[in-house]
Amino acid sequence: MSITVFQNVTLDGVMQSPGRGDEDTRGGFTHGGWAFGYQDEVSMSFAAEGMGQGGALLFGRRTYEDLLGFWTTFDQPNPFTDVLSSARKFVVSRSAKTTVAYPNTEVLVGEAVETVAALKADGDAGLTILGSGELIHALHAARLIEHYTLQIHPIVLGSGTKLFADDARADLELTRSLTTTTGVIIAQYAVR
């Protein structure tokens, strides 16, 4: 089973709160919603292509609650809500008291590296991580992530949670890239 990160980032590597101003204000972050206005037909087509590939989704608890809570408030039918609801989902949590509110969800209780490594060893389908910065940092440091799909926005914020921690070297190989009409570079990388 391979793990792919699908992430919006700024040119300076910030991944925090791309969708909404109130999405993630931890650390006093005030730039939420920075990715708004950069969607176009190219990025939407690319997202639809990825959604059509199936596989399971992997989340940290906070991102799971926020992302599904947000997308399930939209009028139906909505392709993003449909995929998020119907896809198999795994949520990593340190607490055995974590409950889930959406169908097809299993909680992986314990430390992220251990629980995800066990899931990866037992599974046969791919996993895609959306958001979930702390989870990505832990799995990246443990070398459990094989692929990164990044939507790199032409913005520099100067603050916020970054995709890669300062001490987490990665050698990546570009496998595909395209540019949107709004200047976003969509880049797919394999970890060497």
N, C-alpha and C. Protein backbone atom coordinates (compact mmCIF):
# COMPACT_ATOMS: atom_id res chain seq x y z
N MET A 1 0.85 -1.18 0.00
CA MET A 1 0.00 0.00 0.00
C MET A 1 0.90 1.24 0.00
N SER A 2 0.63 2.15 -0.90
CA SER A 2 1.42 3.38 -0.92
C SER A 2 0.61 4.53 -0.34
N ILE A 3 1.34 5.52 0.16
CA ILE A 3 0.71 6.70 0.75
C ILE A 3 1.08 7.91 -0.09
N THR A 4 0.06 8.68 -0.48
CA THR A 4 0.23 9.91 -1.25
C THR A 4 -0.32 11.08 -0.45
N VAL A 5 0.43 12.16 -0.40
CA VAL A 5 -0.05 13.41 0.19
C VAL A 5 -0.59 14.27 -0.95
N PHE A 6 -1.80 14.79 -0.78
CA PHE A 6 -2.39 15.74 -1.73
C PHE A 6 -2.56 17.04 -0.97
N GLN A 7 -1.82 18.08 -1.36
CA GLN A 7 -1.76 19.28 -0.52
C GLN A 7 -1.66 20.56 -1.33
N ASN A 8 -2.34 21.59 -0.85
CA ASN A 8 -2.15 22.95 -1.34
C ASN A 8 -1.04 23.58 -0.51
N VAL A 9 -0.08 24.21 -1.17
CA VAL A 9 1.00 24.90 -0.46
C VAL A 9 1.29 26.24 -1.14
N THR A 10 1.89 27.14 -0.38
CA THR A 10 2.36 28.40 -0.92
C THR A 10 3.79 28.20 -1.42
N LEU A 11 4.34 29.20 -2.09
CA LEU A 11 5.73 29.10 -2.55
C LEU A 11 6.70 28.93 -1.39
N ASP A 12 6.36 29.46 -0.22
CA ASP A 12 7.25 29.29 0.94
C ASP A 12 6.85 28.08 1.79
N GLY A 13 6.05 27.17 1.22
CA GLY A 13 5.77 25.89 1.85
C GLY A 13 4.66 25.84 2.87
N VAL A 14 3.92 26.93 3.06
CA VAL A 14 2.84 26.95 4.06
C VAL A 14 1.66 26.14 3.54
N MET A 15 1.14 25.28 4.41
CA MET A 15 -0.01 24.46 4.06
C MET A 15 -1.23 24.79 4.93
N GLN A 16 -1.04 25.62 5.91
CA GLN A 16 -2.08 25.89 6.91
C GLN A 16 -3.23 26.70 6.33
N SER A 17 -4.43 26.20 6.53
CA SER A 17 -5.67 26.92 6.30
C SER A 17 -5.84 27.50 4.89
N PRO A 18 -5.71 26.68 3.84
CA PRO A 18 -5.86 27.23 2.50
C PRO A 18 -7.31 27.59 2.14
N GLY A 19 -8.27 26.91 2.75
CA GLY A 19 -9.65 27.03 2.28
C GLY A 19 -10.50 28.13 2.87
N ARG A 20 -10.31 28.43 4.16
CA ARG A 20 -11.19 29.39 4.83
C ARG A 20 -10.41 30.16 5.89
N GLY A 21 -10.88 31.34 6.19
CA GLY A 21 -10.25 32.16 7.22
C GLY A 21 -10.27 31.52 8.59
N ASP A 22 -11.32 30.76 8.90
CA ASP A 22 -11.45 30.14 10.22
C ASP A 22 -11.04 28.67 10.24
N GLU A 23 -10.46 28.20 9.16
CA GLU A 23 -10.12 26.78 9.03
C GLU A 23 -9.13 26.31 10.09
N ASP A 24 -8.07 27.08 10.31
CA ASP A 24 -7.04 26.71 11.28
C ASP A 24 -6.29 27.97 11.70
N THR A 25 -6.65 28.50 12.84
CA THR A 25 -6.04 29.74 13.32
C THR A 25 -4.97 29.49 14.38
N ARG A 26 -4.58 28.22 14.56
CA ARG A 26 -3.57 27.92 15.57
C ARG A 26 -2.31 28.76 15.33
N GLY A 27 -1.68 29.14 16.43
CA GLY A 27 -0.47 29.94 16.36
C GLY A 27 -0.73 31.38 15.94
N GLY A 28 -1.99 31.81 16.00
CA GLY A 28 -2.34 33.16 15.60
C GLY A 28 -2.34 33.38 14.09
N PHE A 29 -2.49 32.30 13.34
CA PHE A 29 -2.45 32.39 11.88
C PHE A 29 -3.63 33.21 11.37
N THR A 30 -3.34 34.25 10.59
CA THR A 30 -4.38 35.17 10.12
C THR A 30 -4.55 35.18 8.61
N HIS A 31 -3.89 34.28 7.90
CA HIS A 31 -3.94 34.28 6.44
C HIS A 31 -4.88 33.22 5.87
N GLY A 32 -5.76 32.67 6.68
CA GLY A 32 -6.64 31.60 6.22
C GLY A 32 -7.43 31.97 4.98
N GLY A 33 -7.62 30.99 4.11
CA GLY A 33 -8.35 31.19 2.87
C GLY A 33 -7.48 31.66 1.72
N TRP A 34 -6.17 31.54 1.88
CA TRP A 34 -5.23 32.05 0.89
C TRP A 34 -5.34 31.39 -0.49
N ALA A 35 -5.92 30.20 -0.58
CA ALA A 35 -6.03 29.53 -1.88
C ALA A 35 -7.30 29.94 -2.65
N PHE A 36 -8.14 30.72 -2.01
CA PHE A 36 -9.40 31.13 -2.64
C PHE A 36 -9.12 31.93 -3.92
N GLY A 37 -9.85 31.61 -4.97
CA GLY A 37 -9.72 32.34 -6.22
C GLY A 37 -8.72 31.76 -7.19
N TYR A 38 -8.05 30.69 -6.82
CA TYR A 38 -7.05 30.09 -7.70
C TYR A 38 -7.57 28.84 -8.42
N GLN A 39 -8.80 28.45 -8.18
CA GLN A 39 -9.35 27.28 -8.86
C GLN A 39 -9.70 27.68 -10.29
N ASP A 40 -9.48 26.76 -11.19
CA ASP A 40 -9.89 26.94 -12.58
C ASP A 40 -10.24 25.57 -13.16
N GLU A 41 -10.53 25.51 -14.44
CA GLU A 41 -10.90 24.24 -15.06
C GLU A 41 -9.78 23.21 -14.98
N VAL A 42 -8.53 23.67 -15.07
CA VAL A 42 -7.39 22.75 -15.01
C VAL A 42 -7.31 22.09 -13.64
N SER A 43 -7.39 22.91 -12.58
CA SER A 43 -7.28 22.36 -11.22
C SER A 43 -8.48 21.50 -10.86
N MET A 44 -9.67 21.89 -11.31
CA MET A 44 -10.86 21.11 -11.01
C MET A 44 -10.83 19.77 -11.76
N SER A 45 -10.37 19.78 -12.99
CA SER A 45 -10.24 18.55 -13.76
C SER A 45 -9.21 17.62 -13.12
N PHE A 46 -8.11 18.19 -12.65
CA PHE A 46 -7.08 17.39 -12.00
C PHE A 46 -7.63 16.77 -10.71
N ALA A 47 -8.37 17.56 -9.93
CA ALA A 47 -8.96 17.04 -8.69
C ALA A 47 -9.95 15.92 -9.00
N ALA A 48 -10.76 16.10 -10.03
CA ALA A 48 -11.73 15.06 -10.41
C ALA A 48 -11.02 13.79 -10.84
N GLU A 49 -9.91 13.93 -11.55
CA GLU A 49 -9.12 12.77 -11.97
C GLU A 49 -8.63 11.99 -10.74
N GLY A 50 -8.13 12.71 -9.75
CA GLY A 50 -7.65 12.06 -8.53
C GLY A 50 -8.77 11.39 -7.76
N MET A 51 -9.94 12.04 -7.71
CA MET A 51 -11.07 11.46 -6.98
C MET A 51 -11.55 10.19 -7.65
N GLY A 52 -11.40 10.11 -8.95
CA GLY A 52 -11.86 8.94 -9.69
C GLY A 52 -10.98 7.72 -9.53
N GLN A 53 -9.80 7.88 -8.93
CA GLN A 53 -8.88 6.76 -8.80
C GLN A 53 -9.18 5.87 -7.61
N GLY A 54 -10.05 6.27 -6.75
CA GLY A 54 -10.42 5.44 -5.60
C GLY A 54 -9.35 5.42 -4.54
N GLY A 55 -9.32 4.35 -3.78
CA GLY A 55 -8.39 4.27 -2.66
C GLY A 55 -9.03 4.86 -1.41
N ALA A 56 -8.34 4.73 -0.32
CA ALA A 56 -8.85 5.21 0.96
C ALA A 56 -8.22 6.56 1.31
N LEU A 57 -8.86 7.27 2.21
CA LEU A 57 -8.36 8.55 2.69
C LEU A 57 -7.82 8.38 4.10
N LEU A 58 -6.77 9.10 4.41
CA LEU A 58 -6.13 9.05 5.72
C LEU A 58 -6.08 10.46 6.27
N PHE A 59 -6.56 10.63 7.51
CA PHE A 59 -6.64 11.94 8.13
C PHE A 59 -6.11 11.91 9.55
N GLY A 60 -5.66 13.08 10.01
CA GLY A 60 -5.55 13.33 11.43
C GLY A 60 -6.95 13.64 11.92
N ARG A 61 -7.20 13.49 13.21
CA ARG A 61 -8.56 13.69 13.74
C ARG A 61 -9.10 15.09 13.46
N ARG A 62 -8.30 16.11 13.70
CA ARG A 62 -8.76 17.48 13.53
C ARG A 62 -9.17 17.77 12.08
N THR A 63 -8.35 17.35 11.12
CA THR A 63 -8.66 17.59 9.71
C THR A 63 -9.90 16.81 9.29
N TYR A 64 -10.02 15.58 9.75
CA TYR A 64 -11.20 14.77 9.44
C TYR A 64 -12.47 15.51 9.85
N GLU A 65 -12.51 15.97 11.10
CA GLU A 65 -13.71 16.64 11.60
C GLU A 65 -13.98 17.93 10.84
N ASP A 66 -12.94 18.70 10.57
CA ASP A 66 -13.12 19.98 9.89
C ASP A 66 -13.52 19.80 8.42
N LEU A 67 -12.78 18.97 7.72
CA LEU A 67 -13.01 18.81 6.28
C LEU A 67 -14.38 18.20 5.98
N LEU A 68 -14.70 17.11 6.64
CA LEU A 68 -16.01 16.51 6.39
C LEU A 68 -17.13 17.38 6.94
N GLY A 69 -16.90 18.02 8.06
CA GLY A 69 -17.90 18.93 8.61
C GLY A 69 -18.22 20.06 7.65
N PHE A 70 -17.21 20.56 6.97
CA PHE A 70 -17.39 21.65 6.01
C PHE A 70 -18.10 21.16 4.75
N TRP A 71 -17.58 20.11 4.12
CA TRP A 71 -18.11 19.68 2.83
C TRP A 71 -19.49 19.05 2.92
N THR A 72 -19.86 18.51 4.05
CA THR A 72 -21.19 17.91 4.16
C THR A 72 -22.29 18.95 4.40
N THR A 73 -21.95 20.23 4.49
CA THR A 73 -22.96 21.27 4.64
C THR A 73 -23.43 21.80 3.29
N PHE A 74 -22.80 21.38 2.19
CA PHE A 74 -23.17 21.87 0.86
C PHE A 74 -24.39 21.13 0.34
N ASP A 75 -25.11 21.82 -0.57
CA ASP A 75 -26.26 21.19 -1.23
C ASP A 75 -25.80 19.95 -1.98
N GLN A 76 -26.66 18.97 -2.01
CA GLN A 76 -26.36 17.73 -2.72
C GLN A 76 -27.07 17.73 -4.06
N PRO A 77 -26.59 17.08 -5.08
CA PRO A 77 -25.35 16.32 -5.08
C PRO A 77 -24.15 17.23 -5.24
N ASN A 78 -23.07 16.85 -4.63
CA ASN A 78 -21.81 17.58 -4.71
C ASN A 78 -20.72 16.53 -4.85
N PRO A 79 -19.92 16.58 -5.91
CA PRO A 79 -18.95 15.49 -6.13
C PRO A 79 -17.93 15.34 -5.01
N PHE A 80 -17.50 16.44 -4.40
CA PHE A 80 -16.52 16.34 -3.32
C PHE A 80 -17.14 15.68 -2.09
N THR A 81 -18.36 16.08 -1.76
CA THR A 81 -19.05 15.48 -0.61
C THR A 81 -19.29 14.00 -0.86
N ASP A 82 -19.71 13.67 -2.08
CA ASP A 82 -19.98 12.27 -2.42
C ASP A 82 -18.73 11.42 -2.23
N VAL A 83 -17.60 11.90 -2.73
CA VAL A 83 -16.35 11.14 -2.61
C VAL A 83 -15.93 11.03 -1.15
N LEU A 84 -15.98 12.15 -0.43
CA LEU A 84 -15.57 12.12 0.98
C LEU A 84 -16.46 11.20 1.80
N SER A 85 -17.74 11.19 1.52
CA SER A 85 -18.66 10.35 2.29
C SER A 85 -18.52 8.87 1.94
N SER A 86 -18.40 8.57 0.65
CA SER A 86 -18.40 7.16 0.25
C SER A 86 -17.03 6.48 0.36
N ALA A 87 -15.96 7.25 0.31
CA ALA A 87 -14.62 6.65 0.38
C ALA A 87 -14.37 6.03 1.75
N ARG A 88 -13.56 5.00 1.75
CA ARG A 88 -13.11 4.43 3.02
C ARG A 88 -12.16 5.44 3.65
N LYS A 89 -12.33 5.68 4.95
CA LYS A 89 -11.55 6.69 5.64
C LYS A 89 -10.92 6.10 6.89
N PHE A 90 -9.67 6.50 7.14
CA PHE A 90 -8.97 6.14 8.37
C PHE A 90 -8.59 7.43 9.07
N VAL A 91 -8.85 7.48 10.38
CA VAL A 91 -8.54 8.65 11.18
C VAL A 91 -7.57 8.24 12.27
N VAL A 92 -6.42 8.91 12.30
CA VAL A 92 -5.41 8.62 13.31
C VAL A 92 -5.68 9.48 14.53
N SER A 93 -5.73 8.84 15.70
CA SER A 93 -5.98 9.56 16.95
C SER A 93 -5.26 8.87 18.09
N ARG A 94 -4.73 9.67 18.99
CA ARG A 94 -4.08 9.09 20.18
C ARG A 94 -5.11 8.65 21.22
N SER A 95 -6.35 9.12 21.07
CA SER A 95 -7.38 8.86 22.08
C SER A 95 -8.32 7.74 21.65
N ALA A 96 -8.50 6.77 22.53
CA ALA A 96 -9.46 5.69 22.28
C ALA A 96 -10.90 6.20 22.37
N LYS A 97 -11.09 7.40 22.86
CA LYS A 97 -12.43 7.98 22.99
C LYS A 97 -12.87 8.73 21.74
N THR A 98 -12.04 8.76 20.72
CA THR A 98 -12.39 9.46 19.48
C THR A 98 -13.59 8.78 18.83
N THR A 99 -14.58 9.58 18.48
CA THR A 99 -15.76 9.07 17.78
C THR A 99 -15.78 9.67 16.38
N VAL A 100 -16.44 9.00 15.47
CA VAL A 100 -16.52 9.47 14.09
C VAL A 100 -17.98 9.67 13.71
N ALA A 101 -18.22 10.69 12.89
CA ALA A 101 -19.59 11.05 12.55
C ALA A 101 -19.97 10.72 11.11
N TYR A 102 -19.04 10.18 10.34
CA TYR A 102 -19.30 9.98 8.93
C TYR A 102 -19.11 8.51 8.57
N PRO A 103 -19.86 8.02 7.57
CA PRO A 103 -19.81 6.60 7.21
C PRO A 103 -18.45 6.17 6.67
N ASN A 104 -18.21 4.88 6.73
CA ASN A 104 -17.00 4.25 6.16
C ASN A 104 -15.72 4.75 6.82
N THR A 105 -15.77 5.01 8.12
CA THR A 105 -14.61 5.56 8.83
C THR A 105 -14.17 4.61 9.93
N GLU A 106 -12.87 4.41 10.00
CA GLU A 106 -12.26 3.60 11.05
C GLU A 106 -11.21 4.44 11.77
N VAL A 107 -11.21 4.39 13.09
CA VAL A 107 -10.24 5.13 13.89
C VAL A 107 -9.03 4.23 14.16
N LEU A 108 -7.84 4.76 13.90
CA LEU A 108 -6.59 4.08 14.21
C LEU A 108 -6.06 4.70 15.49
N VAL A 109 -6.23 4.00 16.60
CA VAL A 109 -5.86 4.55 17.91
C VAL A 109 -4.41 4.23 18.22
N GLY A 110 -3.67 5.26 18.59
CA GLY A 110 -2.28 5.09 18.97
C GLY A 110 -1.41 6.15 18.32
N GLU A 111 -0.12 5.90 18.32
CA GLU A 111 0.81 6.82 17.69
C GLU A 111 0.74 6.64 16.16
N ALA A 112 0.80 7.74 15.44
CA ALA A 112 0.59 7.74 14.00
C ALA A 112 1.53 6.80 13.26
N VAL A 113 2.81 6.88 13.55
CA VAL A 113 3.77 6.07 12.80
C VAL A 113 3.48 4.59 12.97
N GLU A 114 3.20 4.17 14.18
CA GLU A 114 2.95 2.75 14.43
C GLU A 114 1.64 2.28 13.80
N THR A 115 0.57 3.04 13.98
CA THR A 115 -0.73 2.60 13.48
C THR A 115 -0.79 2.64 11.95
N VAL A 116 -0.20 3.66 11.35
CA VAL A 116 -0.21 3.75 9.89
C VAL A 116 0.72 2.71 9.27
N ALA A 117 1.86 2.46 9.89
CA ALA A 117 2.76 1.42 9.37
C ALA A 117 2.06 0.06 9.37
N ALA A 118 1.30 -0.23 10.43
CA ALA A 118 0.56 -1.49 10.49
C ALA A 118 -0.52 -1.54 9.42
N LEU A 119 -1.24 -0.45 9.23
CA LEU A 119 -2.27 -0.38 8.19
C LEU A 119 -1.65 -0.56 6.82
N LYS A 120 -0.55 0.10 6.60
CA LYS A 120 0.13 0.03 5.30
C LYS A 120 0.59 -1.41 5.00
N ALA A 121 1.07 -2.10 6.00
CA ALA A 121 1.55 -3.48 5.82
C ALA A 121 0.40 -4.44 5.51
N ASP A 122 -0.79 -4.15 6.04
CA ASP A 122 -1.94 -5.04 5.86
C ASP A 122 -2.78 -4.73 4.63
N GLY A 123 -2.63 -3.52 4.07
CA GLY A 123 -3.54 -3.10 3.01
C GLY A 123 -3.01 -3.33 1.62
N ASP A 124 -3.91 -3.20 0.65
CA ASP A 124 -3.51 -3.37 -0.74
C ASP A 124 -3.88 -2.16 -1.59
N ALA A 125 -4.75 -1.30 -1.13
CA ALA A 125 -5.12 -0.10 -1.89
C ALA A 125 -4.29 1.08 -1.39
N GLY A 126 -4.23 2.11 -2.20
CA GLY A 126 -3.48 3.30 -1.81
C GLY A 126 -4.23 4.13 -0.79
N LEU A 127 -3.47 4.95 -0.08
CA LEU A 127 -4.01 5.90 0.88
C LEU A 127 -3.64 7.31 0.43
N THR A 128 -4.57 8.24 0.54
CA THR A 128 -4.29 9.64 0.25
C THR A 128 -4.54 10.46 1.50
N ILE A 129 -3.56 11.29 1.85
CA ILE A 129 -3.69 12.19 2.99
C ILE A 129 -4.09 13.56 2.48
N LEU A 130 -5.15 14.11 3.04
CA LEU A 130 -5.59 15.47 2.77
C LEU A 130 -5.38 16.28 4.04
N GLY A 131 -4.77 17.47 3.90
CA GLY A 131 -4.53 18.28 5.10
C GLY A 131 -3.64 17.53 6.06
N SER A 132 -3.97 17.61 7.36
CA SER A 132 -3.34 16.76 8.38
C SER A 132 -1.83 16.98 8.52
N GLY A 133 -1.44 18.22 8.77
CA GLY A 133 -0.03 18.58 8.84
C GLY A 133 0.78 17.79 9.85
N GLU A 134 0.28 17.62 11.06
CA GLU A 134 1.02 16.87 12.08
C GLU A 134 1.22 15.42 11.66
N LEU A 135 0.19 14.85 11.07
CA LEU A 135 0.28 13.47 10.59
C LEU A 135 1.33 13.36 9.48
N ILE A 136 1.31 14.29 8.54
CA ILE A 136 2.30 14.28 7.46
C ILE A 136 3.70 14.39 8.01
N HIS A 137 3.92 15.31 8.96
CA HIS A 137 5.26 15.48 9.54
C HIS A 137 5.76 14.17 10.15
N ALA A 138 4.90 13.49 10.89
CA ALA A 138 5.31 12.24 11.55
C ALA A 138 5.60 11.15 10.53
N LEU A 139 4.72 11.00 9.54
CA LEU A 139 4.90 9.94 8.55
C LEU A 139 6.06 10.22 7.61
N HIS A 140 6.28 11.48 7.30
CA HIS A 140 7.42 11.85 6.45
C HIS A 140 8.73 11.53 7.16
N ALA A 141 8.83 11.91 8.42
CA ALA A 141 10.05 11.64 9.18
C ALA A 141 10.33 10.15 9.28
N ALA A 142 9.26 9.34 9.32
CA ALA A 142 9.41 7.88 9.39
C ALA A 142 9.54 7.24 8.00
N ARG A 143 9.56 8.05 6.96
CA ARG A 143 9.70 7.60 5.57
C ARG A 143 8.58 6.64 5.14
N LEU A 144 7.36 6.96 5.55
CA LEU A 144 6.20 6.14 5.18
C LEU A 144 5.43 6.69 3.99
N ILE A 145 5.78 7.88 3.52
CA ILE A 145 5.08 8.51 2.40
C ILE A 145 5.89 8.29 1.13
N GLU A 146 5.21 7.81 0.08
CA GLU A 146 5.88 7.53 -1.20
C GLU A 146 5.68 8.62 -2.26
N HIS A 147 4.57 9.35 -2.17
CA HIS A 147 4.24 10.32 -3.23
C HIS A 147 3.68 11.61 -2.63
N TYR A 148 3.98 12.70 -3.31
CA TYR A 148 3.43 14.01 -2.96
C TYR A 148 2.81 14.62 -4.20
N THR A 149 1.57 15.03 -4.10
CA THR A 149 0.92 15.81 -5.15
C THR A 149 0.67 17.18 -4.55
N LEU A 150 1.36 18.17 -5.08
CA LEU A 150 1.31 19.52 -4.51
C LEU A 150 0.71 20.49 -5.50
N GLN A 151 -0.20 21.29 -5.01
CA GLN A 151 -0.72 22.42 -5.78
C GLN A 151 -0.02 23.64 -5.20
N ILE A 152 0.99 24.10 -5.92
CA ILE A 152 1.86 25.17 -5.42
C ILE A 152 1.33 26.51 -5.91
N HIS A 153 0.86 27.31 -4.96
CA HIS A 153 0.23 28.59 -5.27
C HIS A 153 1.25 29.72 -5.32
N PRO A 154 1.08 30.67 -6.22
CA PRO A 154 2.03 31.78 -6.35
C PRO A 154 1.83 32.84 -5.27
N ILE A 155 2.00 32.41 -4.02
CA ILE A 155 1.80 33.28 -2.86
C ILE A 155 2.93 33.00 -1.88
N VAL A 156 3.44 34.04 -1.22
CA VAL A 156 4.39 33.88 -0.13
C VAL A 156 3.73 34.52 1.09
N LEU A 157 3.55 33.73 2.16
CA LEU A 157 2.89 34.22 3.36
C LEU A 157 3.86 34.61 4.47
N GLY A 158 4.98 33.94 4.57
CA GLY A 158 5.96 34.28 5.59
C GLY A 158 5.69 33.69 6.96
N SER A 159 4.53 33.10 7.16
CA SER A 159 4.23 32.46 8.45
C SER A 159 3.19 31.38 8.23
N GLY A 160 3.11 30.48 9.19
CA GLY A 160 2.14 29.40 9.11
C GLY A 160 2.82 28.05 9.14
N THR A 161 2.04 27.01 9.33
CA THR A 161 2.55 25.66 9.37
C THR A 161 3.00 25.24 7.97
N LYS A 162 4.23 24.77 7.90
CA LYS A 162 4.79 24.36 6.61
C LYS A 162 4.61 22.87 6.40
N LEU A 163 4.58 22.48 5.13
CA LEU A 163 4.41 21.08 4.77
C LEU A 163 5.56 20.24 5.31
N PHE A 164 6.78 20.71 5.13
CA PHE A 164 7.94 19.95 5.58
C PHE A 164 8.58 20.64 6.77
N ALA A 165 8.90 19.85 7.79
CA ALA A 165 9.59 20.37 8.96
C ALA A 165 11.02 20.73 8.55
N ASP A 166 11.66 21.60 9.32
CA ASP A 166 12.98 22.09 8.97
C ASP A 166 14.05 21.01 8.86
N ASP A 167 13.89 19.92 9.61
CA ASP A 167 14.94 18.91 9.64
C ASP A 167 14.56 17.62 8.89
N ALA A 168 13.57 17.72 7.99
CA ALA A 168 13.07 16.51 7.33
C ALA A 168 13.44 16.51 5.85
N ARG A 169 14.67 16.12 5.55
CA ARG A 169 15.13 16.08 4.16
C ARG A 169 14.32 15.05 3.36
N ALA A 170 14.09 15.40 2.09
CA ALA A 170 13.42 14.47 1.18
C ALA A 170 14.02 14.65 -0.20
N ASP A 171 14.37 13.57 -0.84
CA ASP A 171 14.80 13.60 -2.23
C ASP A 171 13.63 13.12 -3.07
N LEU A 172 13.15 14.00 -3.92
CA LEU A 172 11.94 13.72 -4.69
C LEU A 172 12.25 13.72 -6.19
N GLU A 173 11.47 12.95 -6.92
CA GLU A 173 11.59 12.92 -8.37
C GLU A 173 10.27 13.39 -8.96
N LEU A 174 10.33 14.43 -9.80
CA LEU A 174 9.14 14.95 -10.45
C LEU A 174 8.64 13.93 -11.47
N THR A 175 7.38 13.52 -11.34
CA THR A 175 6.82 12.53 -12.27
C THR A 175 5.78 13.13 -13.21
N ARG A 176 5.22 14.29 -12.84
CA ARG A 176 4.23 14.95 -13.68
C ARG A 176 4.06 16.37 -13.19
N SER A 177 3.82 17.30 -14.12
CA SER A 177 3.51 18.67 -13.72
C SER A 177 2.62 19.32 -14.76
N LEU A 178 1.82 20.27 -14.30
CA LEU A 178 1.02 21.09 -15.17
C LEU A 178 0.77 22.41 -14.48
N THR A 179 0.45 23.41 -15.26
CA THR A 179 0.23 24.75 -14.71
C THR A 179 -1.19 25.17 -15.01
N THR A 180 -1.85 25.76 -14.02
CA THR A 180 -3.21 26.23 -14.22
C THR A 180 -3.20 27.62 -14.84
N THR A 181 -4.37 28.10 -15.22
CA THR A 181 -4.48 29.44 -15.80
C THR A 181 -4.28 30.52 -14.75
N THR A 182 -4.31 30.15 -13.47
CA THR A 182 -4.14 31.12 -12.39
C THR A 182 -2.72 31.10 -11.81
N GLY A 183 -1.82 30.32 -12.44
CA GLY A 183 -0.43 30.30 -12.00
C GLY A 183 -0.09 29.25 -10.97
N VAL A 184 -1.04 28.42 -10.63
CA VAL A 184 -0.77 27.32 -9.69
C VAL A 184 -0.04 26.21 -10.45
N ILE A 185 1.04 25.74 -9.87
CA ILE A 185 1.76 24.61 -10.45
C ILE A 185 1.33 23.34 -9.72
N ILE A 186 0.81 22.40 -10.47
CA ILE A 186 0.44 21.11 -9.90
C ILE A 186 1.60 20.16 -10.20
N ALA A 187 2.23 19.69 -9.14
CA ALA A 187 3.43 18.86 -9.31
C ALA A 187 3.26 17.55 -8.55
N GLN A 188 3.51 16.46 -9.24
CA GLN A 188 3.48 15.14 -8.60
C GLN A 188 4.91 14.64 -8.48
N TYR A 189 5.24 14.19 -7.27
CA TYR A 189 6.59 13.73 -6.96
C TYR A 189 6.53 12.32 -6.38
N ALA A 190 7.56 11.54 -6.70
CA ALA A 190 7.79 10.26 -6.04
C ALA A 190 8.99 10.44 -5.12
N VAL A 191 8.91 9.85 -3.94
CA VAL A 191 10.03 9.93 -3.01
C VAL A 191 11.07 8.92 -3.45
N ARG A 192 12.32 9.36 -3.55
CA ARG A 192 13.42 8.45 -3.94
C ARG A 192 13.89 7.66 -2.76
